[in-house]
């Protein structure tokens, strides 16, 4: 699957899921609004009928307008313009609400014009256990009327949500679907990236092994056709080539095996006290030949005071070789490398700076991943498996050293290794 296809799938998927979410949200909001309007209409009708029943019972008449006034979303004032009997009021209230299928808890209070306060009537509950979780008694007065009563529905929101169970159920299913889709897309993108990395790895491995294998084959043919190897300088040269190339091939294989052990947590560090001023010159000396051959320059700045760390000598040497080898391979024209050891409070920092190709910001977060190499298309001028920096990262992690990378494209790279609690 190419990049364009993946982008189309991701974009169409995101648009489709956004559309479904928008439709579902609109449906839920519309359902809530419809239920809310229906509830308000039924409550208004029930309260008006209650007031009418009270008026018919007492022989009074209702006001011409503003009989039912909604103060808040769940609190209503009913203007009757005559005195009210609370027991009769509760009977008519319950009857009218039940007749309209409004089976919801409510409380009511009657305004006493003599004391100028609301006299609490009762809390009528269809589910007594819910009463413990509801704040009751907050039925404020109204300055506009003289004879009225107030009705409040504390569980109004829960009642409306209860009528939306089907909508909520489908919304939960939709949420699970969206999460699954996001997870599936993440897995697909990750698998695609891994597939590309695997493909690049196979290509790079083929190019990396082609030269040593061919050289070994040619040298072996020559050796097999001549019995006087030691007496012939030319054959000794071929023998040397076989040895060097075989060591190179063996080194690559060993690196893969070491990484397999690291990932399987099957390797153990053989730590010892190492003076960095002793091991760094040994590593840079072996790299100096390649630098001078390329016409470059390698400078080393080390403090006079010895810096002693606890480390595995083999792995420390390997990661330093890897970093210097990368600095040589990824130069722009000629390698210019500076190695510096800084002494800081309770810590020593080794910096390897080059003026090479650099790494763009988009690739820096992946540069220490296994098999990852900065994409170069079908060009394989710089050989490698993409294992070196992955190995460096894991060795630093095993030693609990810090590893930092600073790089700008075409400006070079600085890799820093921090050795905490170094004996200085």
Protein backbone atom coordinates (compact mmCIF):
# COMPACT_ATOMS: atom_id res chain seq x y z
CA UNK A 1 0.00 0.00 0.00
CA UNK A 2 1.63 3.24 -1.10
CA UNK A 3 1.66 6.52 0.80
CA UNK A 4 -1.08 8.12 -1.31
CA UNK A 5 -3.45 5.22 -0.69
CA UNK A 6 -2.77 5.32 3.04
CA UNK A 7 -3.39 9.06 3.12
CA UNK A 8 -6.68 8.62 1.25
CA UNK A 9 -7.78 5.88 3.64
CA UNK A 10 -6.88 7.98 6.69
CA UNK A 11 -8.54 11.14 5.36
CA UNK A 12 -11.71 9.36 4.23
CA UNK A 13 -11.86 7.45 7.50
CA UNK A 14 -11.47 10.61 9.58
CA UNK A 15 -14.10 12.43 7.50
CA UNK A 16 -16.49 9.48 7.76
CA UNK A 17 -16.05 9.17 11.54
CA UNK A 18 -16.38 12.95 11.98
CA UNK A 19 -19.62 12.84 9.98
CA UNK A 20 -20.98 9.95 12.04
CA UNK A 21 -20.04 11.71 15.28
CA UNK A 22 -21.68 14.93 14.08
CA UNK A 23 -24.89 13.10 13.11
CA UNK A 24 -24.93 11.19 16.42
CA UNK A 25 -24.34 14.38 18.40
CA UNK A 26 -27.12 16.15 16.50
CA UNK A 27 -29.45 13.20 17.14
CA UNK A 28 -28.66 13.15 20.88
CA UNK A 29 -29.09 16.91 21.24
CA UNK A 30 -32.30 16.86 19.20
CA UNK A 31 -33.66 13.99 21.27
CA UNK A 32 -32.85 15.87 24.47
CA UNK A 33 -34.54 19.05 23.16
CA UNK A 34 -37.64 17.13 22.05
CA UNK A 35 -37.93 15.37 25.42
CA UNK A 36 -37.39 18.68 27.20
CA UNK A 37 -40.09 20.45 25.19
CA UNK A 38 -42.47 17.53 25.71
CA UNK A 39 -41.76 17.51 29.44
CA UNK A 40 -42.35 21.27 29.77
CA UNK A 41 -45.59 21.05 27.81
CA UNK A 42 -46.92 18.16 29.89
CA UNK A 43 -45.92 19.82 33.17
CA UNK A 44 -47.56 23.09 32.14
CA UNK A 45 -50.72 21.21 31.20
CA UNK A 46 -50.73 19.19 34.43
CA UNK A 47 -50.20 22.28 36.59
CA UNK A 48 -52.87 24.24 34.73
CA UNK A 49 -55.35 21.36 35.19
CA UNK A 50 -54.42 21.22 38.89
CA UNK A 51 -55.13 24.92 39.26
CA UNK A 52 -58.39 24.49 37.38
CA UNK A 53 -59.41 21.59 39.62
CA UNK A 54 -58.70 23.68 42.72
CA UNK A 55 -60.68 26.57 41.29
CA UNK A 56 -63.65 24.34 40.47
CA UNK A 57 -63.52 22.86 43.99
CA UNK A 58 -63.57 26.26 45.72
CA UNK A 59 -65.86 27.97 43.22
CA UNK A 60 -63.21 30.55 42.37
CA UNK A 61 -61.93 31.57 38.98
CA UNK A 62 -58.42 31.50 37.60
CA UNK A 63 -56.54 34.58 36.41
CA UNK A 64 -56.97 35.43 32.75
CA UNK A 65 -53.29 34.86 31.99
CA UNK A 66 -49.95 33.80 33.50
CA UNK A 67 -51.45 30.92 35.44
CA UNK A 68 -48.29 28.78 35.11
CA UNK A 69 -44.93 30.49 35.17
CA UNK A 70 -41.64 28.60 34.70
CA UNK A 71 -38.97 30.13 36.89
CA UNK A 72 -36.11 27.71 36.11
CA UNK A 73 -35.71 24.54 34.12
CA UNK A 74 -37.26 22.48 36.94
CA UNK A 75 -39.20 24.99 39.05
CA UNK A 76 -42.72 26.27 38.28
CA UNK A 77 -44.97 28.86 39.94
CA UNK A 78 -48.78 28.44 39.63
CA UNK A 79 -50.92 31.58 40.22
CA UNK A 80 -54.42 30.73 41.51
CA UNK A 81 -55.53 34.01 43.16
CA UNK A 82 -57.18 32.16 46.07
CA UNK A 83 -56.11 30.34 49.21
CA UNK A 84 -54.93 26.75 48.79
CA UNK A 85 -55.39 23.63 50.88
CA UNK A 86 -52.11 21.63 50.81
CA UNK A 87 -53.65 18.16 51.11
CA UNK A 88 -56.08 18.87 48.26
CA UNK A 89 -53.27 20.39 46.22
CA UNK A 90 -51.10 17.25 46.59
CA UNK A 91 -53.99 15.01 45.54
CA UNK A 92 -54.76 16.97 42.39
CA UNK A 93 -51.05 17.36 41.54
CA UNK A 94 -50.38 13.65 41.72
CA UNK A 95 -53.51 12.79 39.77
CA UNK A 96 -52.79 15.20 36.92
CA UNK A 97 -49.13 14.26 36.63
CA UNK A 98 -49.91 10.54 36.56
CA UNK A 99 -52.65 11.08 33.98
CA UNK A 100 -50.01 12.55 31.65
CA UNK A 101 -47.52 9.75 32.46
CA UNK A 102 -45.12 12.10 34.23
CA UNK A 103 -43.95 9.61 36.85
CA UNK A 104 -41.25 11.77 38.38
CA UNK A 105 -40.42 12.85 41.92
CA UNK A 106 -41.51 16.35 42.85
CA UNK A 107 -41.82 18.68 45.81
CA UNK A 108 -44.16 21.57 46.36
CA UNK A 109 -44.68 24.58 48.62
CA UNK A 110 -47.53 27.07 49.13
CA UNK A 111 -46.99 30.78 49.57
CA UNK A 112 -48.36 32.18 52.85
CA UNK A 113 -49.16 35.85 52.21
CA UNK A 114 -49.60 36.50 55.95
CA UNK A 115 -46.05 35.44 56.80
CA UNK A 116 -44.62 36.34 53.38
CA UNK A 117 -42.83 33.01 52.98
CA UNK A 118 -43.12 29.69 51.20
CA UNK A 119 -44.57 26.96 53.41
CA UNK A 120 -43.05 23.64 52.42
CA UNK A 121 -45.65 21.02 51.57
CA UNK A 122 -44.14 17.62 50.83
CA UNK A 123 -41.73 15.60 48.69
CA UNK A 124 -43.63 13.06 46.58
CA UNK A 125 -41.32 10.26 45.44
CA UNK A 126 -41.72 7.36 43.04
CA UNK A 127 -38.27 6.07 44.03
CA UNK A 128 -37.59 6.77 47.75
CA UNK A 129 -33.93 5.76 47.55
CA UNK A 130 -33.20 8.74 45.26
CA UNK A 131 -34.24 11.24 47.94
CA UNK A 132 -30.94 10.89 49.79
CA UNK A 133 -28.97 12.25 46.83
CA UNK A 134 -31.12 15.31 46.11
CA UNK A 135 -31.01 18.75 47.73
CA UNK A 136 -34.58 19.61 48.77
CA UNK A 137 -36.50 22.64 49.99
CA UNK A 138 -35.16 25.38 47.69
CA UNK A 139 -38.46 26.77 46.40
CA UNK A 140 -38.09 30.59 46.24
CA UNK A 141 -40.89 33.14 46.42
CA UNK A 142 -42.28 35.09 43.51
CA UNK A 143 -42.88 38.86 43.85
CA UNK A 144 -45.52 39.02 41.10
CA UNK A 145 -48.36 36.91 42.65
CA UNK A 146 -50.20 36.81 45.98
CA UNK A 147 -51.83 33.37 46.07
CA UNK A 148 -49.73 30.71 44.40
CA UNK A 149 -47.87 27.49 44.90
CA UNK A 150 -44.52 26.28 43.59
CA UNK A 151 -43.65 22.86 42.21
CA UNK A 152 -40.11 21.65 41.70
CA UNK A 153 -38.82 18.53 39.94
CA UNK A 154 -35.36 17.83 41.45
CA UNK A 155 -34.83 14.69 39.35
CA UNK A 156 -35.75 16.33 36.04
CA UNK A 157 -32.34 15.77 34.38
CA UNK A 158 -32.25 12.13 35.43
CA UNK A 159 -35.81 11.66 34.14
CA UNK A 160 -34.89 13.11 30.73
CA UNK A 161 -31.72 11.00 30.55
CA UNK A 162 -33.81 7.95 31.42
CA UNK A 163 -35.96 8.60 28.37
CA UNK A 164 -32.80 8.76 26.24
CA UNK A 165 -31.43 5.32 27.11
CA UNK A 166 -31.52 4.14 23.50
CA UNK A 167 -29.68 7.25 22.29
CA UNK A 168 -27.08 6.90 25.03
CA UNK A 169 -26.62 3.20 24.23
CA UNK A 170 -25.99 3.93 20.56
CA UNK A 171 -23.66 6.79 21.50
CA UNK A 172 -21.58 4.41 23.63
CA UNK A 173 -21.41 1.95 20.72
CA UNK A 174 -20.32 4.80 18.46
CA UNK A 175 -17.63 5.85 20.96
CA UNK A 176 -16.29 2.29 21.08
CA UNK A 177 -16.32 2.21 17.28
CA UNK A 178 -14.37 5.48 17.06
CA UNK A 179 -11.80 4.23 19.57
CA UNK A 180 -11.44 0.96 17.64
CA UNK A 181 -11.09 2.87 14.37
CA UNK A 182 -8.40 5.13 15.83
CA UNK A 183 -6.57 2.09 17.19
CA UNK A 184 -6.87 0.27 13.85
CA UNK A 185 -5.51 3.29 11.98
CA UNK A 186 -2.61 3.60 14.42
CA UNK A 187 -1.81 -0.10 13.99
CA UNK A 188 -2.06 0.18 10.20
CA UNK A 189 0.27 3.18 10.07
CA UNK A 190 2.70 1.52 12.44
CA UNK A 191 2.69 -1.69 10.42
CA UNK A 192 3.25 0.29 7.23
CA UNK A 193 6.21 2.08 8.76
CA UNK A 194 7.64 -1.20 10.04
CA UNK A 195 7.13 -2.77 6.62
CA UNK A 196 9.02 0.08 4.96
CA UNK A 197 11.79 -0.17 7.51
CA UNK A 198 12.01 -3.91 6.98
CA UNK A 199 12.20 -3.43 3.22
CA UNK A 200 14.94 -0.81 3.58
CA UNK A 201 16.76 -3.11 5.97
CA UNK A 202 16.76 -5.99 3.49
CA UNK A 203 18.00 -3.72 0.71
CA UNK A 204 20.73 -2.23 2.87
CA UNK A 205 21.77 -5.64 4.15
CA UNK A 206 22.08 -6.90 0.57
CA UNK A 207 24.31 -3.98 -0.40
CA UNK A 208 26.32 -4.24 2.79
CA UNK A 209 27.11 -7.95 2.41
CA UNK A 210 27.64 -7.93 -1.35
CA UNK A 211 31.21 -6.53 -1.27
CA UNK A 212 32.72 -8.73 1.50
CA UNK A 213 31.06 -11.89 0.20
CA UNK A 214 32.30 -11.27 -3.34
CA UNK A 215 35.78 -10.46 -2.08
CA UNK A 216 35.94 -13.62 0.03
CA UNK A 217 34.83 -15.70 -2.94
CA UNK A 218 37.49 -14.23 -5.28
CA UNK A 219 40.23 -14.56 -2.68
CA UNK A 220 39.22 -18.14 -1.89
CA UNK A 221 39.42 -19.09 -5.57
CA UNK A 222 42.92 -17.70 -5.82
CA UNK A 223 44.06 -19.49 -2.67
CA UNK A 224 42.55 -22.79 -3.78
CA UNK A 225 44.49 -22.71 -7.08
CA UNK A 226 47.96 -22.09 -5.54
CA UNK A 227 49.81 -24.13 -2.87
CA UNK A 228 52.61 -21.61 -2.29
CA UNK A 229 50.65 -18.95 -0.38
CA UNK A 230 53.32 -18.00 2.11
CA UNK A 231 56.03 -17.65 -0.48
CA UNK A 232 53.98 -15.40 -2.77
CA UNK A 233 53.47 -11.78 -1.64
CA UNK A 234 50.52 -11.40 -4.00
CA UNK A 235 48.78 -14.38 -2.42
CA UNK A 236 49.61 -13.05 1.03
CA UNK A 237 47.82 -9.86 -0.01
CA UNK A 238 44.74 -11.84 -0.98
CA UNK A 239 44.96 -13.72 2.30
CA UNK A 240 45.01 -10.41 4.12
CA UNK A 241 41.94 -9.29 2.18
CA UNK A 242 40.12 -12.47 3.16
CA UNK A 243 41.00 -11.92 6.78
CA UNK A 244 39.92 -8.23 6.82
CA UNK A 245 36.67 -8.80 4.98
CA UNK A 246 35.85 -11.81 7.09
CA UNK A 247 36.39 -9.74 10.22
CA UNK A 248 34.10 -7.07 8.84
CA UNK A 249 31.39 -9.60 8.08
CA UNK A 250 31.83 -11.22 11.48
CA UNK A 251 31.59 -7.81 13.14
CA UNK A 252 28.24 -7.13 11.47
CA UNK A 253 26.91 -10.53 12.47
CA UNK A 254 28.10 -10.05 16.03
CA UNK A 255 26.36 -6.70 16.18
CA UNK A 256 23.06 -8.31 15.17
CA UNK A 257 23.57 -11.04 17.77
CA UNK A 258 24.37 -8.48 20.46
CA UNK A 259 21.23 -6.54 19.64
CA UNK A 260 19.17 -9.75 19.83
CA UNK A 261 20.62 -10.38 23.30
CA UNK A 262 19.91 -6.81 24.34
CA UNK A 263 16.27 -7.02 23.22
CA UNK A 264 15.88 -10.36 24.96
CA UNK A 265 17.47 -8.98 28.15
CA UNK A 266 19.93 -11.88 27.99
CA UNK A 267 23.17 -9.91 28.18
CA UNK A 268 25.07 -8.85 31.29
CA UNK A 269 27.37 -5.89 31.65
CA UNK A 270 30.88 -6.62 32.87
CA UNK A 271 31.54 -3.34 34.57
CA UNK A 272 34.94 -2.12 35.62
CA UNK A 273 36.51 1.20 36.49
CA UNK A 274 37.65 2.87 33.26
CA UNK A 275 39.59 6.08 32.83
CA UNK A 276 38.00 7.87 29.87
CA UNK A 277 41.26 9.68 29.07
CA UNK A 278 42.78 6.25 28.38
CA UNK A 279 40.07 4.64 26.24
CA UNK A 280 39.06 7.66 24.14
CA UNK A 281 42.49 8.11 22.50
CA UNK A 282 42.57 4.40 21.59
CA UNK A 283 39.23 4.68 19.79
CA UNK A 284 40.04 7.97 18.06
CA UNK A 285 43.42 6.61 16.94
CA UNK A 286 41.74 3.75 15.06
CA UNK A 287 39.32 6.24 13.48
CA UNK A 288 42.07 8.70 12.59
CA UNK A 289 43.24 6.57 9.65
CA UNK A 290 39.84 6.73 7.92
CA UNK A 291 39.56 10.47 8.62
CA UNK A 292 43.01 11.28 7.21
CA UNK A 293 42.41 9.05 4.20
CA UNK A 294 39.29 11.09 3.42
CA UNK A 295 41.26 14.32 3.83
CA UNK A 296 39.43 15.29 7.00
CA UNK A 297 40.36 16.38 10.49
CA UNK A 298 39.75 14.81 13.90
CA UNK A 299 40.48 16.81 17.05
CA UNK A 300 40.28 15.60 20.64
CA UNK A 301 40.06 17.74 23.76
CA UNK A 302 40.37 15.94 27.08
CA UNK A 303 40.72 17.42 30.60
CA UNK A 304 43.94 16.73 32.47
CA UNK A 305 42.17 15.45 35.57
CA UNK A 306 41.30 11.73 35.14
CA UNK A 307 37.60 10.88 34.75
CA UNK A 308 36.81 7.39 36.03
CA UNK A 309 33.51 5.69 35.22
CA UNK A 310 32.07 2.23 35.84
CA UNK A 311 31.34 0.64 32.47
CA UNK A 312 31.62 -2.43 30.30
CA UNK A 313 34.83 -1.84 28.35
CA UNK A 314 33.73 -3.79 25.25
CA UNK A 315 30.36 -2.07 24.90
CA UNK A 316 31.79 1.37 25.67
CA UNK A 317 34.42 0.88 22.98
CA UNK A 318 31.78 -0.34 20.51
CA UNK A 319 29.46 2.64 20.95
CA UNK A 320 32.34 5.11 20.60
CA UNK A 321 33.42 3.34 17.40
CA UNK A 322 29.82 3.47 16.12
CA UNK A 323 29.48 7.19 16.77
CA UNK A 324 32.81 8.07 15.20
CA UNK A 325 32.11 5.78 12.24
CA UNK A 326 28.79 7.58 11.65
CA UNK A 327 30.55 10.96 11.83
CA UNK A 328 32.94 9.79 9.09
CA UNK A 329 30.30 8.15 6.88
CA UNK A 330 27.79 11.00 6.99
CA UNK A 331 30.17 13.87 6.23
CA UNK A 332 29.35 16.31 3.44
CA UNK A 333 32.70 16.55 1.66
CA UNK A 334 35.45 15.71 4.12
CA UNK A 335 34.92 14.63 7.74
CA UNK A 336 35.53 17.30 10.38
CA UNK A 337 35.06 15.77 13.82
CA UNK A 338 35.66 17.12 17.31
CA UNK A 339 35.64 14.94 20.43
CA UNK A 340 35.43 16.72 23.76
CA UNK A 341 35.11 15.50 27.35
CA UNK A 342 33.60 18.08 29.71
CA UNK A 343 33.67 17.88 33.50
CA UNK A 344 30.53 19.14 35.17
CA UNK A 345 29.31 18.92 38.78
CA UNK A 346 28.91 15.21 39.64
CA UNK A 347 28.88 14.37 35.95
CA UNK A 348 31.09 14.04 32.88
CA UNK A 349 29.78 14.66 29.36
CA UNK A 350 31.38 13.31 26.20
CA UNK A 351 30.49 15.25 23.06
CA UNK A 352 31.11 14.05 19.51
CA UNK A 353 30.56 16.89 17.05
CA UNK A 354 30.65 16.70 13.27
CA UNK A 355 29.94 19.09 10.42
CA UNK A 356 28.21 16.48 8.28
CA UNK A 357 24.85 16.04 6.61
CA UNK A 358 22.81 16.50 9.77
CA UNK A 359 19.37 15.08 10.49
CA UNK A 360 16.06 16.85 9.84
CA UNK A 361 13.66 17.40 12.74
CA UNK A 362 11.11 14.94 11.31
CA UNK A 363 13.59 12.04 11.57
CA UNK A 364 15.28 12.84 14.87
CA UNK A 365 12.58 11.18 16.99
CA UNK A 366 13.09 7.89 15.10
CA UNK A 367 16.86 7.90 14.62
CA UNK A 368 17.51 5.61 17.62
CA UNK A 369 14.91 3.04 16.56
CA UNK A 370 15.92 -0.41 15.37
CA UNK A 371 16.56 -0.69 11.61
CA UNK A 372 15.67 2.98 11.11
CA UNK A 373 17.67 4.93 8.56
CA UNK A 374 16.95 8.35 7.14
CA UNK A 375 15.19 7.58 3.81
CA UNK A 376 17.35 8.10 0.73
CA UNK A 377 15.12 6.40 -1.87
CA UNK A 378 16.94 3.82 -3.95
CA UNK A 379 20.36 5.40 -3.37
CA UNK A 380 22.64 3.36 -1.10
CA UNK A 381 25.86 5.33 -1.15
CA UNK A 382 26.16 5.03 2.63
CA UNK A 383 26.00 1.42 3.76
CA UNK A 384 24.56 0.22 7.03
CA UNK A 385 21.82 -1.75 8.77
CA UNK A 386 20.34 1.03 10.84
CA UNK A 387 21.47 -0.83 13.97
CA UNK A 388 24.35 1.34 15.21
CA UNK A 389 22.42 4.08 17.02
CA UNK A 390 19.87 1.56 18.29
CA UNK A 391 22.77 -0.32 19.85
CA UNK A 392 24.20 2.92 21.29
CA UNK A 393 20.85 3.82 22.84
CA UNK A 394 20.42 0.42 24.50
CA UNK A 395 23.96 0.33 25.89
CA UNK A 396 23.53 3.83 27.33
CA UNK A 397 20.17 2.82 28.80
CA UNK A 398 21.71 -0.32 30.35
CA UNK A 399 24.44 1.81 31.95
CA UNK A 400 21.92 4.51 32.90
CA UNK A 401 23.79 7.11 30.90
CA UNK A 402 22.01 10.03 29.27
CA UNK A 403 22.05 10.23 25.47
CA UNK A 404 21.21 13.45 23.65
CA UNK A 405 21.21 14.41 19.98
CA UNK A 406 21.29 17.91 18.51
CA UNK A 407 21.27 18.26 14.75
CA UNK A 408 20.41 20.62 11.94
CA UNK A 409 20.10 19.56 8.31
CA UNK A 410 23.36 20.31 6.46
CA UNK A 411 24.78 21.84 9.64
CA UNK A 412 26.11 18.79 11.44
CA UNK A 413 25.29 16.75 14.51
CA UNK A 414 26.26 16.75 18.18
CA UNK A 415 25.76 13.55 20.19
CA UNK A 416 26.33 13.81 23.94
CA UNK A 417 26.71 10.97 26.44
CA UNK A 418 26.39 11.89 30.11
CA UNK A 419 28.13 9.77 32.73
CA UNK A 420 26.38 10.53 36.06
CA UNK A 421 28.17 10.28 39.39
CA UNK A 422 31.51 9.95 37.64
CA UNK A 423 34.56 9.76 39.85
CA UNK A 424 36.49 12.86 38.88
